[in-house]
Amino acid sequence: MHNSSPSGDPRALANHPTLLPQMQMRFDGRLGFPGGFVDAQDSCLEDGLNRELREELGDAVSAFRVERSDYQSSRIAARPRVVAHFYAKRLTLEQLQAVEARAPLAKDHGLEVLGLVRVPLYIMRDGEGGLPAFLENSFIGAAREQLLEALRDLKLLDPGTVGKLKIPDSK
């Protein structure tokens, strides 16, 4: 997430409309967040996550580090049997622009990652465009729920707004 002004309806949903969450289009055609599995070489979850970020997003992520204080939540999945830990990191506009510019040069670009996507934090006048339309996409695992939780917990969306959104069932 970073500071910049989203284009769209001035009736923006966000309490702080200058923050832009970012997701990625995955190799399987679903939206998700960067990350992966912790390897034996990783001394902690955060080391594994930062390694995965470098592989998926490129060398621009070396300008910052995801820390334990960026932790948001964990979810246990039965199939596949995994525990997914979710982190959210605030970036400056310059950091985000560097990540976006250099991500196509990353090791996993075109393989695991097909591109980066900014999440629209607004609702168009028709009540359907913007965030409601974005939520209609296909998400991997609990990514849709993690996104909504982060938007609420980081106070990017008013809690009442999340409750009013028409949220599709997870697939």
N, C-alpha and C. Protein backbone atom coordinates (compact mmCIF):
# COMPACT_ATOMS: atom_id res chain seq x y z
N MET A 1 0.84 -1.16 0.00
CA MET A 1 0.00 0.00 0.00
C MET A 1 0.89 1.23 0.00
N HIS A 2 0.39 2.29 -0.63
CA HIS A 2 1.22 3.48 -0.68
C HIS A 2 0.36 4.72 -0.86
N ASN A 3 0.96 5.87 -0.77
CA ASN A 3 0.24 7.14 -0.87
C ASN A 3 0.20 7.64 -2.30
N SER A 4 -0.99 7.86 -2.80
CA SER A 4 -1.24 8.50 -4.08
C SER A 4 -2.75 8.66 -4.19
N SER A 5 -3.20 9.42 -5.12
CA SER A 5 -4.63 9.68 -5.23
C SER A 5 -5.26 8.78 -6.28
N PRO A 6 -6.26 7.95 -5.91
CA PRO A 6 -6.88 7.08 -6.90
C PRO A 6 -7.79 7.88 -7.82
N SER A 7 -7.87 7.47 -9.07
CA SER A 7 -8.82 8.10 -9.97
C SER A 7 -10.16 7.43 -9.75
N GLY A 8 -11.21 8.16 -9.95
CA GLY A 8 -12.53 7.58 -9.78
C GLY A 8 -13.47 8.56 -9.11
N ASP A 9 -14.56 8.05 -8.67
CA ASP A 9 -15.61 8.85 -8.08
C ASP A 9 -15.10 9.59 -6.84
N PRO A 10 -15.44 10.87 -6.70
CA PRO A 10 -14.98 11.61 -5.52
C PRO A 10 -15.61 11.11 -4.23
N ARG A 11 -16.65 10.29 -4.33
CA ARG A 11 -17.26 9.72 -3.12
C ARG A 11 -16.47 8.48 -2.70
N ALA A 12 -15.16 8.60 -2.67
CA ALA A 12 -14.29 7.46 -2.36
C ALA A 12 -14.68 6.82 -1.04
N LEU A 13 -14.50 5.49 -0.99
CA LEU A 13 -14.84 4.73 0.20
C LEU A 13 -13.85 4.92 1.33
N ALA A 14 -12.62 5.14 0.99
CA ALA A 14 -11.57 5.10 2.00
C ALA A 14 -11.61 6.30 2.92
N ASN A 15 -11.33 6.05 4.20
CA ASN A 15 -11.15 7.15 5.15
C ASN A 15 -9.93 7.97 4.75
N HIS A 16 -8.95 7.32 4.18
CA HIS A 16 -7.72 7.95 3.72
C HIS A 16 -7.56 7.56 2.25
N PRO A 17 -8.23 8.29 1.34
CA PRO A 17 -8.31 7.84 -0.05
C PRO A 17 -6.99 7.89 -0.81
N THR A 18 -5.90 8.21 -0.15
CA THR A 18 -4.63 8.26 -0.86
C THR A 18 -3.85 6.95 -0.75
N LEU A 19 -4.42 5.93 -0.15
CA LEU A 19 -3.72 4.65 -0.03
C LEU A 19 -4.21 3.68 -1.09
N LEU A 20 -3.28 3.01 -1.75
CA LEU A 20 -3.62 2.09 -2.82
C LEU A 20 -3.09 0.69 -2.53
N PRO A 21 -3.95 -0.23 -2.18
CA PRO A 21 -3.50 -1.62 -2.01
C PRO A 21 -3.10 -2.21 -3.36
N GLN A 22 -2.19 -3.15 -3.32
CA GLN A 22 -1.70 -3.77 -4.54
C GLN A 22 -1.80 -5.29 -4.41
N MET A 23 -2.22 -5.93 -5.50
CA MET A 23 -2.28 -7.39 -5.56
C MET A 23 -1.56 -7.81 -6.83
N GLN A 24 -1.55 -9.11 -7.10
CA GLN A 24 -0.93 -9.58 -8.33
C GLN A 24 -1.84 -10.58 -9.03
N MET A 25 -1.72 -10.60 -10.36
CA MET A 25 -2.37 -11.62 -11.15
C MET A 25 -1.41 -12.81 -11.17
N ARG A 26 -1.92 -13.95 -10.73
CA ARG A 26 -1.10 -15.15 -10.62
C ARG A 26 -1.12 -15.96 -11.91
N PHE A 27 -0.25 -16.93 -11.99
CA PHE A 27 -0.14 -17.81 -13.15
C PHE A 27 -1.43 -18.57 -13.43
N ASP A 28 -2.26 -18.79 -12.40
CA ASP A 28 -3.49 -19.56 -12.58
C ASP A 28 -4.69 -18.68 -12.92
N GLY A 29 -4.45 -17.39 -13.16
CA GLY A 29 -5.52 -16.48 -13.53
C GLY A 29 -6.29 -15.91 -12.36
N ARG A 30 -5.84 -16.18 -11.15
CA ARG A 30 -6.51 -15.65 -9.96
C ARG A 30 -5.71 -14.50 -9.37
N LEU A 31 -6.41 -13.63 -8.66
CA LEU A 31 -5.75 -12.55 -7.94
C LEU A 31 -5.29 -13.05 -6.58
N GLY A 32 -4.14 -12.58 -6.16
CA GLY A 32 -3.60 -12.95 -4.86
C GLY A 32 -2.56 -11.95 -4.42
N PHE A 33 -1.90 -12.28 -3.35
CA PHE A 33 -0.83 -11.43 -2.82
C PHE A 33 0.50 -12.14 -3.04
N PRO A 34 1.60 -11.38 -3.16
CA PRO A 34 2.91 -12.01 -3.28
C PRO A 34 3.21 -12.85 -2.05
N GLY A 35 3.98 -13.88 -2.23
CA GLY A 35 4.37 -14.73 -1.10
C GLY A 35 4.68 -16.13 -1.56
N GLY A 36 4.83 -17.02 -0.62
CA GLY A 36 5.14 -18.40 -0.96
C GLY A 36 5.50 -19.18 0.28
N PHE A 37 6.23 -20.25 0.07
CA PHE A 37 6.58 -21.15 1.16
C PHE A 37 7.91 -20.76 1.80
N VAL A 38 8.00 -20.99 3.10
CA VAL A 38 9.24 -20.78 3.84
C VAL A 38 10.15 -21.97 3.56
N ASP A 39 11.40 -21.69 3.21
CA ASP A 39 12.39 -22.74 2.94
C ASP A 39 13.25 -22.99 4.17
N ALA A 40 13.99 -24.09 4.16
CA ALA A 40 14.89 -24.42 5.27
C ALA A 40 15.93 -23.33 5.49
N GLN A 41 16.31 -22.62 4.44
CA GLN A 41 17.31 -21.55 4.55
C GLN A 41 16.77 -20.32 5.26
N ASP A 42 15.45 -20.19 5.35
CA ASP A 42 14.83 -19.02 5.98
C ASP A 42 14.79 -19.20 7.49
N SER A 43 15.30 -18.22 8.23
CA SER A 43 15.35 -18.35 9.69
C SER A 43 14.03 -18.01 10.37
N CYS A 44 13.12 -17.33 9.65
CA CYS A 44 11.81 -16.98 10.22
C CYS A 44 10.84 -16.72 9.08
N LEU A 45 9.57 -16.56 9.41
CA LEU A 45 8.55 -16.30 8.40
C LEU A 45 8.88 -15.06 7.57
N GLU A 46 9.33 -14.01 8.25
CA GLU A 46 9.60 -12.76 7.56
C GLU A 46 10.77 -12.89 6.58
N ASP A 47 11.79 -13.69 6.93
CA ASP A 47 12.89 -13.93 5.98
C ASP A 47 12.38 -14.64 4.74
N GLY A 48 11.52 -15.63 4.94
CA GLY A 48 10.93 -16.34 3.80
C GLY A 48 10.08 -15.42 2.94
N LEU A 49 9.29 -14.58 3.58
CA LEU A 49 8.44 -13.66 2.84
C LEU A 49 9.28 -12.66 2.05
N ASN A 50 10.30 -12.09 2.66
CA ASN A 50 11.14 -11.12 1.96
C ASN A 50 11.88 -11.77 0.79
N ARG A 51 12.30 -13.03 0.93
CA ARG A 51 12.92 -13.75 -0.18
C ARG A 51 11.91 -13.93 -1.31
N GLU A 52 10.70 -14.36 -0.97
CA GLU A 52 9.65 -14.55 -1.98
C GLU A 52 9.30 -13.23 -2.67
N LEU A 53 9.27 -12.14 -1.92
CA LEU A 53 8.99 -10.83 -2.52
C LEU A 53 10.05 -10.46 -3.55
N ARG A 54 11.32 -10.73 -3.24
CA ARG A 54 12.40 -10.44 -4.20
C ARG A 54 12.22 -11.29 -5.46
N GLU A 55 11.87 -12.57 -5.29
CA GLU A 55 11.69 -13.46 -6.44
C GLU A 55 10.51 -13.03 -7.31
N GLU A 56 9.42 -12.61 -6.67
CA GLU A 56 8.20 -12.29 -7.42
C GLU A 56 8.10 -10.84 -7.87
N LEU A 57 8.71 -9.92 -7.12
CA LEU A 57 8.57 -8.49 -7.42
C LEU A 57 9.87 -7.82 -7.85
N GLY A 58 11.00 -8.49 -7.69
CA GLY A 58 12.26 -7.94 -8.16
C GLY A 58 13.05 -7.20 -7.10
N ASP A 59 14.16 -6.60 -7.54
CA ASP A 59 15.12 -6.01 -6.61
C ASP A 59 14.65 -4.72 -5.95
N ALA A 60 13.58 -4.10 -6.43
CA ALA A 60 13.10 -2.86 -5.80
C ALA A 60 12.62 -3.10 -4.38
N VAL A 61 12.26 -4.33 -4.05
CA VAL A 61 11.80 -4.62 -2.68
C VAL A 61 12.95 -4.60 -1.68
N SER A 62 14.18 -4.56 -2.16
CA SER A 62 15.33 -4.47 -1.25
C SER A 62 15.38 -3.13 -0.53
N ALA A 63 14.59 -2.15 -0.99
CA ALA A 63 14.56 -0.82 -0.36
C ALA A 63 13.77 -0.82 0.94
N PHE A 64 13.07 -1.91 1.23
CA PHE A 64 12.29 -2.02 2.47
C PHE A 64 12.28 -3.47 2.90
N ARG A 65 11.80 -3.72 4.10
CA ARG A 65 11.72 -5.09 4.62
C ARG A 65 10.38 -5.26 5.32
N VAL A 66 9.70 -6.36 5.03
CA VAL A 66 8.49 -6.70 5.76
C VAL A 66 8.92 -7.28 7.10
N GLU A 67 8.38 -6.71 8.18
CA GLU A 67 8.76 -7.09 9.54
C GLU A 67 7.60 -7.76 10.26
N ARG A 68 7.88 -8.32 11.41
CA ARG A 68 6.84 -8.94 12.23
C ARG A 68 5.72 -7.94 12.55
N SER A 69 6.06 -6.67 12.70
CA SER A 69 5.05 -5.64 13.01
C SER A 69 4.06 -5.42 11.86
N ASP A 70 4.36 -5.93 10.66
CA ASP A 70 3.47 -5.81 9.51
C ASP A 70 2.46 -6.97 9.43
N TYR A 71 2.56 -7.90 10.38
CA TYR A 71 1.68 -9.08 10.40
C TYR A 71 0.22 -8.66 10.60
N GLN A 72 -0.69 -9.30 9.86
CA GLN A 72 -2.12 -9.03 9.97
C GLN A 72 -2.90 -10.22 10.52
N SER A 73 -2.72 -11.41 9.93
CA SER A 73 -3.54 -12.55 10.34
C SER A 73 -2.96 -13.85 9.78
N SER A 74 -3.52 -14.97 10.24
CA SER A 74 -3.16 -16.30 9.73
C SER A 74 -4.43 -17.09 9.48
N ARG A 75 -4.36 -17.98 8.51
CA ARG A 75 -5.48 -18.87 8.19
C ARG A 75 -4.94 -20.27 7.95
N ILE A 76 -5.69 -21.24 8.42
CA ILE A 76 -5.32 -22.64 8.21
C ILE A 76 -6.23 -23.20 7.13
N ALA A 77 -5.64 -23.82 6.13
CA ALA A 77 -6.40 -24.45 5.05
C ALA A 77 -6.22 -25.96 5.12
N ALA A 78 -7.30 -26.68 4.93
CA ALA A 78 -7.24 -28.15 4.95
C ALA A 78 -6.66 -28.69 3.65
N ARG A 79 -7.04 -28.09 2.52
CA ARG A 79 -6.55 -28.53 1.21
C ARG A 79 -6.21 -27.33 0.37
N PRO A 80 -5.00 -27.15 -0.03
CA PRO A 80 -3.86 -27.92 0.44
C PRO A 80 -3.58 -27.60 1.90
N ARG A 81 -2.96 -28.53 2.57
CA ARG A 81 -2.70 -28.39 4.00
C ARG A 81 -1.60 -27.36 4.24
N VAL A 82 -1.99 -26.14 4.56
CA VAL A 82 -1.02 -25.06 4.73
C VAL A 82 -1.58 -24.01 5.69
N VAL A 83 -0.67 -23.31 6.32
CA VAL A 83 -1.03 -22.15 7.15
C VAL A 83 -0.55 -20.92 6.38
N ALA A 84 -1.47 -20.04 6.05
CA ALA A 84 -1.14 -18.83 5.29
C ALA A 84 -1.10 -17.64 6.25
N HIS A 85 0.04 -16.96 6.26
CA HIS A 85 0.23 -15.79 7.11
C HIS A 85 0.15 -14.55 6.22
N PHE A 86 -0.62 -13.56 6.65
CA PHE A 86 -0.86 -12.37 5.84
C PHE A 86 -0.21 -11.15 6.49
N TYR A 87 0.55 -10.42 5.68
CA TYR A 87 1.24 -9.20 6.11
C TYR A 87 0.81 -8.05 5.21
N ALA A 88 0.81 -6.83 5.74
CA ALA A 88 0.54 -5.63 4.94
C ALA A 88 1.63 -4.61 5.24
N LYS A 89 2.25 -4.09 4.20
CA LYS A 89 3.35 -3.14 4.33
C LYS A 89 2.99 -1.84 3.64
N ARG A 90 3.16 -0.73 4.35
CA ARG A 90 2.93 0.59 3.75
C ARG A 90 4.22 1.04 3.05
N LEU A 91 4.07 1.49 1.81
CA LEU A 91 5.20 1.96 1.02
C LEU A 91 5.00 3.43 0.67
N THR A 92 6.10 4.10 0.40
CA THR A 92 5.99 5.45 -0.14
C THR A 92 5.62 5.33 -1.62
N LEU A 93 5.17 6.43 -2.19
CA LEU A 93 4.84 6.43 -3.61
C LEU A 93 6.07 6.04 -4.43
N GLU A 94 7.23 6.54 -4.05
CA GLU A 94 8.46 6.23 -4.79
C GLU A 94 8.78 4.74 -4.70
N GLN A 95 8.61 4.14 -3.53
CA GLN A 95 8.87 2.71 -3.39
C GLN A 95 7.91 1.90 -4.25
N LEU A 96 6.63 2.24 -4.23
CA LEU A 96 5.65 1.50 -5.02
C LEU A 96 5.93 1.63 -6.51
N GLN A 97 6.23 2.84 -6.95
CA GLN A 97 6.53 3.04 -8.37
C GLN A 97 7.76 2.25 -8.79
N ALA A 98 8.76 2.17 -7.92
CA ALA A 98 9.96 1.37 -8.23
C ALA A 98 9.60 -0.11 -8.33
N VAL A 99 8.78 -0.60 -7.41
CA VAL A 99 8.35 -2.01 -7.47
C VAL A 99 7.59 -2.27 -8.76
N GLU A 100 6.65 -1.40 -9.09
CA GLU A 100 5.85 -1.59 -10.31
C GLU A 100 6.72 -1.54 -11.56
N ALA A 101 7.70 -0.65 -11.59
CA ALA A 101 8.56 -0.51 -12.76
C ALA A 101 9.49 -1.70 -12.93
N ARG A 102 9.97 -2.27 -11.81
CA ARG A 102 10.97 -3.32 -11.91
C ARG A 102 10.41 -4.73 -11.80
N ALA A 103 9.14 -4.86 -11.42
CA ALA A 103 8.54 -6.18 -11.28
C ALA A 103 8.63 -7.03 -12.55
N PRO A 104 8.49 -6.45 -13.76
CA PRO A 104 8.61 -7.29 -14.96
C PRO A 104 9.99 -7.91 -15.15
N LEU A 105 10.99 -7.43 -14.40
CA LEU A 105 12.34 -7.98 -14.49
C LEU A 105 12.60 -9.05 -13.44
N ALA A 106 11.63 -9.30 -12.57
CA ALA A 106 11.80 -10.26 -11.48
C ALA A 106 11.93 -11.68 -12.00
N LYS A 107 12.60 -12.50 -11.22
CA LYS A 107 12.85 -13.91 -11.56
C LYS A 107 11.57 -14.66 -11.92
N ASP A 108 10.50 -14.45 -11.15
CA ASP A 108 9.26 -15.21 -11.34
C ASP A 108 8.23 -14.53 -12.24
N HIS A 109 8.56 -13.34 -12.78
CA HIS A 109 7.60 -12.65 -13.65
C HIS A 109 7.38 -13.47 -14.92
N GLY A 110 6.13 -13.65 -15.27
CA GLY A 110 5.79 -14.45 -16.44
C GLY A 110 5.67 -15.93 -16.13
N LEU A 111 6.09 -16.33 -14.94
CA LEU A 111 5.98 -17.73 -14.51
C LEU A 111 4.93 -17.82 -13.42
N GLU A 112 5.28 -17.39 -12.22
CA GLU A 112 4.33 -17.39 -11.10
C GLU A 112 3.46 -16.14 -11.09
N VAL A 113 4.02 -15.04 -11.55
CA VAL A 113 3.34 -13.74 -11.50
C VAL A 113 3.17 -13.21 -12.92
N LEU A 114 1.93 -12.81 -13.25
CA LEU A 114 1.67 -12.27 -14.59
C LEU A 114 1.58 -10.75 -14.61
N GLY A 115 1.49 -10.13 -13.44
CA GLY A 115 1.46 -8.68 -13.37
C GLY A 115 0.89 -8.18 -12.06
N LEU A 116 1.11 -6.90 -11.80
CA LEU A 116 0.61 -6.27 -10.57
C LEU A 116 -0.68 -5.52 -10.86
N VAL A 117 -1.53 -5.43 -9.84
CA VAL A 117 -2.83 -4.78 -9.98
C VAL A 117 -3.07 -3.89 -8.76
N ARG A 118 -3.47 -2.65 -8.99
CA ARG A 118 -3.88 -1.76 -7.89
C ARG A 118 -5.37 -1.98 -7.62
N VAL A 119 -5.72 -2.05 -6.35
CA VAL A 119 -7.11 -2.28 -5.95
C VAL A 119 -7.85 -0.94 -5.90
N PRO A 120 -8.96 -0.80 -6.62
CA PRO A 120 -9.71 0.45 -6.58
C PRO A 120 -10.45 0.60 -5.25
N LEU A 121 -10.23 1.70 -4.55
CA LEU A 121 -10.88 1.94 -3.26
C LEU A 121 -12.02 2.95 -3.41
N TYR A 122 -12.81 2.80 -4.43
CA TYR A 122 -13.93 3.70 -4.65
C TYR A 122 -15.08 2.91 -5.26
N ILE A 123 -16.26 3.51 -5.19
CA ILE A 123 -17.44 2.95 -5.85
C ILE A 123 -17.90 3.97 -6.87
N MET A 124 -18.10 3.53 -8.09
CA MET A 124 -18.57 4.43 -9.14
C MET A 124 -20.02 4.83 -8.85
N ARG A 125 -20.48 5.86 -9.52
CA ARG A 125 -21.84 6.37 -9.29
C ARG A 125 -22.91 5.31 -9.50
N ASP A 126 -22.64 4.33 -10.35
CA ASP A 126 -23.64 3.28 -10.60
C ASP A 126 -23.73 2.28 -9.44
N GLY A 127 -22.82 2.41 -8.45
CA GLY A 127 -22.84 1.52 -7.29
C GLY A 127 -22.20 0.17 -7.54
N GLU A 128 -21.77 -0.07 -8.77
CA GLU A 128 -21.21 -1.38 -9.12
C GLU A 128 -19.75 -1.32 -9.54
N GLY A 129 -19.35 -0.23 -10.18
CA GLY A 129 -17.98 -0.12 -10.65
C GLY A 129 -17.02 0.18 -9.51
N GLY A 130 -15.74 -0.01 -9.76
CA GLY A 130 -14.72 0.21 -8.73
C GLY A 130 -14.56 -1.03 -7.87
N LEU A 131 -14.53 -0.84 -6.56
CA LEU A 131 -14.29 -1.96 -5.64
C LEU A 131 -15.32 -3.08 -5.78
N PRO A 132 -16.63 -2.79 -5.88
CA PRO A 132 -17.58 -3.91 -6.03
C PRO A 132 -17.27 -4.77 -7.26
N ALA A 133 -16.94 -4.16 -8.39
CA ALA A 133 -16.60 -4.93 -9.59
C ALA A 133 -15.30 -5.70 -9.38
N PHE A 134 -14.33 -5.08 -8.72
CA PHE A 134 -13.05 -5.76 -8.46
C PHE A 134 -13.27 -7.03 -7.65
N LEU A 135 -14.17 -6.97 -6.67
CA LEU A 135 -14.43 -8.13 -5.80
C LEU A 135 -15.10 -9.28 -6.53
N GLU A 136 -15.60 -9.04 -7.75
CA GLU A 136 -16.22 -10.10 -8.56
C GLU A 136 -15.17 -10.99 -9.22
N ASN A 137 -13.91 -10.57 -9.21
CA ASN A 137 -12.84 -11.37 -9.82
C ASN A 137 -12.63 -12.66 -9.06
N SER A 138 -11.84 -13.55 -9.64
CA SER A 138 -11.49 -14.81 -9.00
C SER A 138 -10.23 -14.60 -8.16
N PHE A 139 -10.31 -14.96 -6.88
CA PHE A 139 -9.20 -14.80 -5.94
C PHE A 139 -8.73 -16.18 -5.50
N ILE A 140 -7.44 -16.31 -5.20
CA ILE A 140 -6.89 -17.55 -4.68
C ILE A 140 -7.15 -17.64 -3.18
N GLY A 141 -7.56 -18.81 -2.73
CA GLY A 141 -7.72 -19.05 -1.29
C GLY A 141 -8.55 -17.99 -0.60
N ALA A 142 -7.99 -17.43 0.46
CA ALA A 142 -8.69 -16.42 1.27
C ALA A 142 -8.27 -14.99 0.90
N ALA A 143 -7.69 -14.80 -0.28
CA ALA A 143 -7.15 -13.48 -0.64
C ALA A 143 -8.22 -12.38 -0.62
N ARG A 144 -9.44 -12.67 -1.08
CA ARG A 144 -10.50 -11.66 -1.05
C ARG A 144 -10.80 -11.25 0.39
N GLU A 145 -10.93 -12.24 1.26
CA GLU A 145 -11.23 -11.97 2.67
C GLU A 145 -10.06 -11.24 3.33
N GLN A 146 -8.83 -11.63 3.00
CA GLN A 146 -7.65 -10.96 3.56
C GLN A 146 -7.61 -9.50 3.11
N LEU A 147 -7.93 -9.26 1.86
CA LEU A 147 -7.98 -7.89 1.34
C LEU A 147 -8.99 -7.06 2.13
N LEU A 148 -10.20 -7.57 2.27
CA LEU A 148 -11.25 -6.82 2.98
C LEU A 148 -10.90 -6.60 4.44
N GLU A 149 -10.32 -7.61 5.08
CA GLU A 149 -9.89 -7.45 6.48
C GLU A 149 -8.83 -6.37 6.60
N ALA A 150 -7.86 -6.39 5.70
CA ALA A 150 -6.79 -5.39 5.74
C ALA A 150 -7.35 -3.99 5.49
N LEU A 151 -8.26 -3.86 4.54
CA LEU A 151 -8.86 -2.55 4.27
C LEU A 151 -9.59 -2.03 5.50
N ARG A 152 -10.27 -2.93 6.20
CA ARG A 152 -10.99 -2.53 7.42
C ARG A 152 -10.02 -2.26 8.56
N ASP A 153 -9.11 -3.20 8.83
CA ASP A 153 -8.20 -3.09 9.98
C ASP A 153 -7.23 -1.92 9.85
N LEU A 154 -6.80 -1.62 8.64
CA LEU A 154 -5.89 -0.49 8.42
C LEU A 154 -6.65 0.82 8.23
N LYS A 155 -7.96 0.74 8.42
CA LYS A 155 -8.84 1.90 8.34
C LYS A 155 -8.80 2.58 6.97
N LEU A 156 -8.66 1.76 5.93
CA LEU A 156 -8.74 2.26 4.56
C LEU A 156 -10.18 2.29 4.09
N LEU A 157 -11.02 1.50 4.74
CA LEU A 157 -12.46 1.49 4.48
C LEU A 157 -13.19 1.63 5.80
N ASP A 158 -14.26 2.35 5.78
CA ASP A 158 -15.12 2.45 6.95
C ASP A 158 -15.73 1.06 7.19
N PRO A 159 -15.71 0.56 8.43
CA PRO A 159 -16.26 -0.78 8.70
C PRO A 159 -17.69 -0.95 8.19
N GLY A 160 -18.50 0.10 8.25
CA GLY A 160 -19.87 0.01 7.74
C GLY A 160 -19.92 -0.18 6.24
N THR A 161 -18.94 0.37 5.54
CA THR A 161 -18.89 0.24 4.09
C THR A 161 -18.64 -1.21 3.70
N VAL A 162 -17.73 -1.88 4.41
CA VAL A 162 -17.44 -3.28 4.12
C VAL A 162 -18.71 -4.11 4.27
N GLY A 163 -19.49 -3.83 5.31
CA GLY A 163 -20.72 -4.57 5.54
C GLY A 163 -21.76 -4.35 4.46
N LYS A 164 -21.72 -3.20 3.79
CA LYS A 164 -22.70 -2.88 2.75
C LYS A 164 -22.30 -3.42 1.38
N LEU A 165 -21.04 -3.81 1.21
CA LEU A 165 -20.58 -4.30 -0.08
C LEU A 165 -21.22 -5.65 -0.40
N LYS A 166 -21.57 -5.84 -1.65
CA LYS A 166 -22.04 -7.14 -2.11
C LYS A 166 -20.78 -7.97 -2.40
N ILE A 167 -20.50 -8.93 -1.53
CA ILE A 167 -19.27 -9.71 -1.64
C ILE A 167 -19.62 -11.10 -2.15
N PRO A 168 -19.08 -11.48 -3.31
CA PRO A 168 -19.37 -12.80 -3.87
C PRO A 168 -18.86 -13.91 -2.95
N ASP A 169 -19.48 -15.07 -3.03
CA ASP A 169 -19.00 -16.24 -2.29
C ASP A 169 -17.63 -16.62 -2.80
N SER A 170 -16.76 -17.09 -1.91
CA SER A 170 -15.44 -17.56 -2.32
C SER A 170 -15.61 -18.81 -3.16
N LYS A 171 -14.74 -18.93 -4.15
CA LYS A 171 -14.80 -20.09 -5.05
C LYS A 171 -13.76 -21.09 -4.68
